[in-house]
């Protein structure tokens, strides 16, 4: 390997030292621009193949399969969680098992059903070891895939399930309690020039452990339903 010129080495040493000293979960590394641009041009089938073959971060080492998402690719509703768990990794579908059953019940409470005008995805497409929360760098690596899903679906409302999903989509690192009920929106280039209303609520796996917060999650879902109605009414007025 060729040696760096002295002036280049002097420039890089402080950066290398900073990264080496920082905890792994605090280092948020943006994906290379060329990789993001390539993903931004993929259709659904190309996206599925790209995700299945992805080796861009360490999560691929222990996965059985990558989990892109499931549902109606023209859905008005987009629900985004954190990452696949053990059952999701085995079956290739997000939100199965106990957390999936609770999510299905949450959908039914606002007259929705999995696969019918609903798409479900995760911030990362491969299972984190031990079902831990995805790290910032892992979510950054996977972010182009999630952004492309948003661009292809063009949802009317996005519901973020858990704090990691809020960080991945909105860049918001505050507590989940501070994000609930706030007037949030996704305004990336994938939103086709208009911001998409966003509701942040609890992850179903958390609700299984903390039953009293189910009432708060119900409030969030009712708010999301109201936002959907307002968004559709606004679209009718503009036509």
Protein backbone atom coordinates (compact mmCIF):
# COMPACT_ATOMS: atom_id res chain seq x y z
CA UNK A 1 0.00 0.00 0.00
CA UNK A 2 1.50 3.39 -0.95
CA UNK A 3 2.37 5.71 1.92
CA UNK A 4 0.54 8.97 2.38
CA UNK A 5 2.41 12.16 1.66
CA UNK A 6 3.35 13.98 4.90
CA UNK A 7 0.88 16.82 4.33
CA UNK A 8 -1.99 14.36 3.71
CA UNK A 9 -1.10 12.31 6.77
CA UNK A 10 -1.05 15.43 8.92
CA UNK A 11 -4.55 16.33 7.73
CA UNK A 12 -6.00 12.86 8.36
CA UNK A 13 -4.47 12.13 11.79
CA UNK A 14 -6.92 14.32 13.80
CA UNK A 15 -9.92 12.80 12.00
CA UNK A 16 -8.69 9.25 12.54
CA UNK A 17 -8.05 9.95 16.21
CA UNK A 18 -11.53 11.44 16.67
CA UNK A 19 -13.27 8.48 15.07
CA UNK A 20 -11.17 5.96 16.98
CA UNK A 21 -11.98 7.64 20.29
CA UNK A 22 -15.71 7.88 19.69
CA UNK A 23 -18.13 5.11 20.74
CA UNK A 24 -19.16 3.01 17.76
CA UNK A 25 -22.82 3.91 18.09
CA UNK A 26 -22.09 7.65 17.95
CA UNK A 27 -20.29 7.62 14.63
CA UNK A 28 -22.88 8.46 11.97
CA UNK A 29 -21.27 7.87 8.58
CA UNK A 30 -23.11 9.05 5.49
CA UNK A 31 -23.22 6.53 2.63
CA UNK A 32 -21.08 7.35 -0.41
CA UNK A 33 -22.86 9.70 -2.79
CA UNK A 34 -22.47 7.36 -5.75
CA UNK A 35 -24.07 4.44 -3.87
CA UNK A 36 -26.99 6.61 -2.77
CA UNK A 37 -27.46 7.90 -6.33
CA UNK A 38 -27.45 4.36 -7.70
CA UNK A 39 -30.08 3.20 -5.19
CA UNK A 40 -32.17 6.29 -5.96
CA UNK A 41 -32.68 5.03 -9.50
CA UNK A 42 -33.87 1.51 -8.64
CA UNK A 43 -37.36 0.14 -9.28
CA UNK A 44 -38.98 -2.29 -6.83
CA UNK A 45 -37.49 -5.45 -8.30
CA UNK A 46 -34.03 -3.92 -8.54
CA UNK A 47 -34.38 -2.66 -4.97
CA UNK A 48 -35.26 -6.13 -3.70
CA UNK A 49 -32.22 -7.64 -5.42
CA UNK A 50 -29.93 -4.89 -4.15
CA UNK A 51 -31.10 -5.28 -0.54
CA UNK A 52 -30.79 -9.08 -0.71
CA UNK A 53 -27.19 -8.81 -1.91
CA UNK A 54 -26.15 -5.85 0.29
CA UNK A 55 -22.88 -6.20 2.25
CA UNK A 56 -22.45 -2.51 3.09
CA UNK A 57 -22.37 -2.88 6.89
CA UNK A 58 -21.63 -5.51 9.51
CA UNK A 59 -25.27 -6.51 10.01
CA UNK A 60 -25.07 -8.72 6.92
CA UNK A 61 -22.67 -11.11 8.68
CA UNK A 62 -25.26 -12.84 10.86
CA UNK A 63 -28.48 -12.40 8.90
CA UNK A 64 -30.39 -15.27 7.34
CA UNK A 65 -31.95 -12.90 4.84
CA UNK A 66 -32.50 -9.19 4.38
CA UNK A 67 -36.03 -7.92 5.01
CA UNK A 68 -37.04 -5.15 2.61
CA UNK A 69 -40.66 -4.67 3.69
CA UNK A 70 -44.16 -5.88 2.96
CA UNK A 71 -47.47 -4.48 1.78
CA UNK A 72 -49.14 -2.29 -0.79
CA UNK A 73 -46.48 -0.48 -2.83
CA UNK A 74 -49.01 2.29 -3.59
CA UNK A 75 -50.14 2.64 0.02
CA UNK A 76 -51.34 5.84 1.66
CA UNK A 77 -49.96 4.57 4.98
CA UNK A 78 -46.30 3.80 5.66
CA UNK A 79 -45.32 2.31 9.03
CA UNK A 80 -41.58 2.18 9.79
CA UNK A 81 -40.01 0.23 12.65
CA UNK A 82 -36.41 -0.24 13.74
CA UNK A 83 -35.03 -3.53 12.44
CA UNK A 84 -35.92 -7.20 11.89
CA UNK A 85 -36.02 -9.53 14.87
CA UNK A 86 -35.30 -13.24 14.94
CA UNK A 87 -38.65 -14.31 13.47
CA UNK A 88 -38.53 -11.58 10.83
CA UNK A 89 -35.03 -12.69 9.88
CA UNK A 90 -36.25 -16.26 9.49
CA UNK A 91 -39.42 -15.46 7.53
CA UNK A 92 -38.28 -12.46 5.52
CA UNK A 93 -41.20 -10.26 6.60
CA UNK A 94 -41.22 -7.35 9.08
CA UNK A 95 -43.32 -7.41 12.25
CA UNK A 96 -44.24 -11.04 12.74
CA UNK A 97 -44.55 -12.84 16.05
CA UNK A 98 -45.96 -11.12 19.13
CA UNK A 99 -44.98 -7.60 18.08
CA UNK A 100 -46.47 -8.22 14.66
CA UNK A 101 -49.76 -9.40 16.13
CA UNK A 102 -49.94 -6.25 18.24
CA UNK A 103 -49.17 -4.07 15.20
CA UNK A 104 -51.97 -5.82 13.31
CA UNK A 105 -54.31 -5.04 16.23
CA UNK A 106 -53.17 -1.41 16.17
CA UNK A 107 -53.91 -1.24 12.46
CA UNK A 108 -57.33 -2.80 12.95
CA UNK A 109 -58.13 -0.22 15.63
CA UNK A 110 -58.04 2.49 12.95
CA UNK A 111 -59.72 0.34 10.31
CA UNK A 112 -56.54 -0.74 8.52
CA UNK A 113 -55.20 -4.13 7.55
CA UNK A 114 -51.71 -5.30 6.71
CA UNK A 115 -51.21 -5.29 2.95
CA UNK A 116 -54.30 -3.19 2.19
CA UNK A 117 -53.30 0.44 1.62
CA UNK A 118 -50.52 -0.16 4.18
CA UNK A 119 -46.80 -0.74 3.69
CA UNK A 120 -44.53 -1.83 6.57
CA UNK A 121 -40.76 -1.35 6.56
CA UNK A 122 -37.83 -0.96 8.95
CA UNK A 123 -34.97 1.51 9.34
CA UNK A 124 -32.46 -1.30 8.72
CA UNK A 125 -33.05 -4.35 6.56
CA UNK A 126 -30.87 -6.89 8.44
CA UNK A 127 -31.34 -8.16 11.98
CA UNK A 128 -29.07 -6.53 14.59
CA UNK A 129 -27.38 -9.18 16.76
CA UNK A 130 -29.46 -10.10 19.78
CA UNK A 131 -32.34 -7.96 18.47
CA UNK A 132 -30.57 -4.86 19.79
CA UNK A 133 -31.48 -1.36 18.61
CA UNK A 134 -29.77 -0.46 15.30
CA UNK A 135 -26.79 1.84 15.66
CA UNK A 136 -26.62 5.25 13.98
CA UNK A 137 -24.00 4.15 11.46
CA UNK A 138 -26.03 1.09 10.48
CA UNK A 139 -29.13 3.20 9.91
CA UNK A 140 -27.12 5.70 7.86
CA UNK A 141 -25.85 2.90 5.63
CA UNK A 142 -29.39 1.60 5.09
CA UNK A 143 -30.97 5.05 4.73
CA UNK A 144 -30.80 5.19 0.89
CA UNK A 145 -32.91 2.03 0.73
CA UNK A 146 -35.55 3.49 3.05
CA UNK A 147 -35.58 6.79 1.18
CA UNK A 148 -36.08 4.94 -2.09
CA UNK A 149 -39.01 3.04 -0.59
CA UNK A 150 -40.60 6.34 0.44
CA UNK A 151 -40.04 7.72 -3.07
CA UNK A 152 -41.65 4.69 -4.72
CA UNK A 153 -44.61 4.47 -2.34
CA UNK A 154 -45.34 8.21 -1.98
CA UNK A 155 -47.39 7.71 1.22
CA UNK A 156 -49.78 10.34 2.53
CA UNK A 157 -48.83 9.70 6.20
CA UNK A 158 -45.76 8.07 7.79
CA UNK A 159 -45.99 6.47 11.25
CA UNK A 160 -42.64 5.93 12.98
CA UNK A 161 -42.57 3.10 15.51
CA UNK A 162 -39.88 3.80 18.09
CA UNK A 163 -37.06 6.25 18.68
CA UNK A 164 -34.61 4.62 16.25
CA UNK A 165 -37.12 4.99 13.42
CA UNK A 166 -37.48 8.69 14.27
CA UNK A 167 -33.71 9.12 14.16
CA UNK A 168 -33.45 7.30 10.85
CA UNK A 169 -36.22 9.19 9.04
CA UNK A 170 -36.19 12.62 10.68
CA UNK A 171 -32.70 12.84 12.16
CA UNK A 172 -34.40 13.52 15.50
CA UNK A 173 -32.40 12.21 18.45
CA UNK A 174 -34.70 13.45 21.23
CA UNK A 175 -36.69 11.20 23.52
CA UNK A 176 -39.74 9.52 22.11
CA UNK A 177 -41.88 11.31 24.68
CA UNK A 178 -40.66 14.66 23.33
CA UNK A 179 -41.51 13.68 19.73
CA UNK A 180 -45.00 12.33 20.33
CA UNK A 181 -47.74 14.76 19.40
CA UNK A 182 -45.39 17.14 17.61
CA UNK A 183 -46.20 18.53 14.12
CA UNK A 184 -43.50 16.61 12.28
CA UNK A 185 -43.05 16.06 8.56
CA UNK A 186 -40.74 14.30 6.14
CA UNK A 187 -39.61 16.74 3.48
CA UNK A 188 -36.84 14.87 1.67
CA UNK A 189 -36.50 14.88 -2.11
CA UNK A 190 -38.46 11.63 -2.06
CA UNK A 191 -41.60 13.49 -0.94
CA UNK A 192 -42.14 14.89 -4.47
CA UNK A 193 -42.00 18.51 -3.40
CA UNK A 194 -44.54 18.34 -0.56
CA UNK A 195 -43.88 17.39 3.05
CA UNK A 196 -45.39 14.13 4.29
CA UNK A 197 -47.00 14.32 7.76
CA UNK A 198 -45.22 12.12 10.31
CA UNK A 199 -46.50 10.68 13.59
CA UNK A 200 -44.09 9.18 16.13
CA UNK A 201 -45.36 6.51 18.51
CA UNK A 202 -44.17 3.54 20.53
CA UNK A 203 -42.78 0.38 18.99
CA UNK A 204 -45.13 -2.60 19.47
CA UNK A 205 -42.36 -4.59 21.18
CA UNK A 206 -42.08 -1.81 23.78
CA UNK A 207 -45.85 -1.80 24.30
CA UNK A 208 -45.78 -5.52 25.03
CA UNK A 209 -43.46 -4.75 27.95
CA UNK A 210 -45.15 -1.51 29.04
CA UNK A 211 -48.90 -2.04 28.88
CA UNK A 212 -49.96 1.34 30.38
CA UNK A 213 -48.48 3.16 27.36
CA UNK A 214 -50.94 1.45 25.01
CA UNK A 215 -53.36 4.28 25.76
CA UNK A 216 -50.77 6.80 24.57
CA UNK A 217 -50.19 4.78 21.41
CA UNK A 218 -53.95 4.86 20.78
CA UNK A 219 -53.83 8.67 21.00
CA UNK A 220 -51.04 8.70 18.43
CA UNK A 221 -52.98 6.45 16.06
CA UNK A 222 -56.07 8.64 16.34
CA UNK A 223 -53.92 11.64 15.51
CA UNK A 224 -52.48 9.82 12.50
CA UNK A 225 -55.99 8.99 11.30
CA UNK A 226 -57.00 12.65 11.62
CA UNK A 227 -53.93 13.70 9.64
CA UNK A 228 -54.80 11.21 6.92
CA UNK A 229 -58.33 12.57 6.64
CA UNK A 230 -57.01 16.15 6.45
CA UNK A 231 -54.43 15.20 3.84
CA UNK A 232 -57.02 13.51 1.65
CA UNK A 233 -59.44 16.43 2.02
CA UNK A 234 -56.71 18.85 1.00
CA UNK A 235 -55.89 16.73 -2.06
CA UNK A 236 -59.57 16.77 -3.12
CA UNK A 237 -59.73 20.56 -2.81
CA UNK A 238 -56.66 20.92 -5.02
CA UNK A 239 -58.16 18.84 -7.84
